[in-house]
Amino acid sequence: MTCAYPRLFDLVGKALTPRIRDLGKITLLRDDTPAATTARYPHAGKLLADRWNEDLIRAMYPDLLRVGGSLNFGEATTFMLAP
């Protein structure tokens, strides 16, 4: 799953709850400082080690809005987005 999918679901007001295989072996992205993230999610610890790429999200935002609108109004399905 790319980092665009969670933002896309946020745009259309849906909750993305994927099954995460091998959770202990991966790194999830955080949106705040390490201290604030640890305070908010104390059990997540080292899983939330990397910060998301805000420049990438900002650059892709117009595309995210277009795809989000297409999903929201039924013009596209999530299966069309899968690589």
Foldseek 3Di string as FASTA:
>chain_A
DDPLVCVLCVLLVHDDDDDDPPQVPAADADADDLVVVCVVPVVCPRSHPHHDDVVVCVVCVVVSNVVSVCPNVVVDHVVVVDD
